[in-house]
Amino acid sequence: MNKISWLAERAVKILREEGVKALAQKSLSYFKKIVKLPILPFALLKLKHLDKNCTLDKLLDFSFYGLWGLIRPLQVRNEISELLKILNKIKPETVLEIGTYNGGTLFLFSRTASENAIIISIDLPSGYPLWRKLLYKSFALPKQKIYLLRMDSHREETLKKVKAILSGRRLDFLFIDGDHAYEGVKRDFEMYSELVKEGGIIALHDIVPGPEESVGGVPLFWREIKGQYNSKEIVKDWNQGECGIGLIFLNRRRS
């Protein structure tokens, strides 16, 4: 059976068993896979020639629209913009992101971090296809190092790997946007917040209450811990049903 015949039979089966909506969604997903891979060389070229001194607005434009949506962040633009303004002032030298997916926030963090920063990404092997590793590695500025750990953040071996990469250093910035289940986000916070230095920042994404499939248990966990620290909420609209960024400043813990 040739590829076209196989695809036709597959489409008919999905249509019959799962309906029109499922067929449309799976067709779009397949289309993205076969179209975006050839775009990769052009994306790498655009990244190579991107002005290293871009303003934050231009960096945001690039991440949202500059690579044909390839690295579009799953963020509210003015929320991630406010976070980037904070990071741009402190220029973190050690960054850990849990949950990378499209790579948009990884790109933005690399451009607001120190020019010689160590940046670590943790995501499940199923979090993004292997071909994206080359794209994500290309985010690094000449003196930066980006480590992509395709591992479960909840496993002790992953924590050991992060510690080995840091080699005794502590994190300036931790961004938690992985497992959104209550126990999942809680475990990420408990495991990796211990690596953040005094004076560092922890950010949690999706603190705005919304549907379970969008925000999981993050809003509940945020409500439980925010009062223990000096915290800040970056939210465009508390009725938006998702997103929102919660910040914890570890140099100002409340008694």
Foldseek 3Di string as FASTA:
>chain_A
DDPVVVVVVVLVVCCVPPNDVVSVVVVVVVVCVVPVVVLVVVLLVCLVPPPLPDDLVVLLCCQCPVSPRQQHDPADSVLVSVVLVVLLVVQWQEEEEEQQQSNSVLLSNQSSHHLQHEYEYEAAPPSYDPVCVVVSQSSRHPNYGYHYHNHQLLDPVNLVVSCVVCVPAAGQEYEYDYDQAQVRSVSNCVSRVVRHDQQHKYKYWWLQAADCVARHCNVVNCVVCCVQAPKDKRDPDSPPRTTIMIMGGRNTTDD
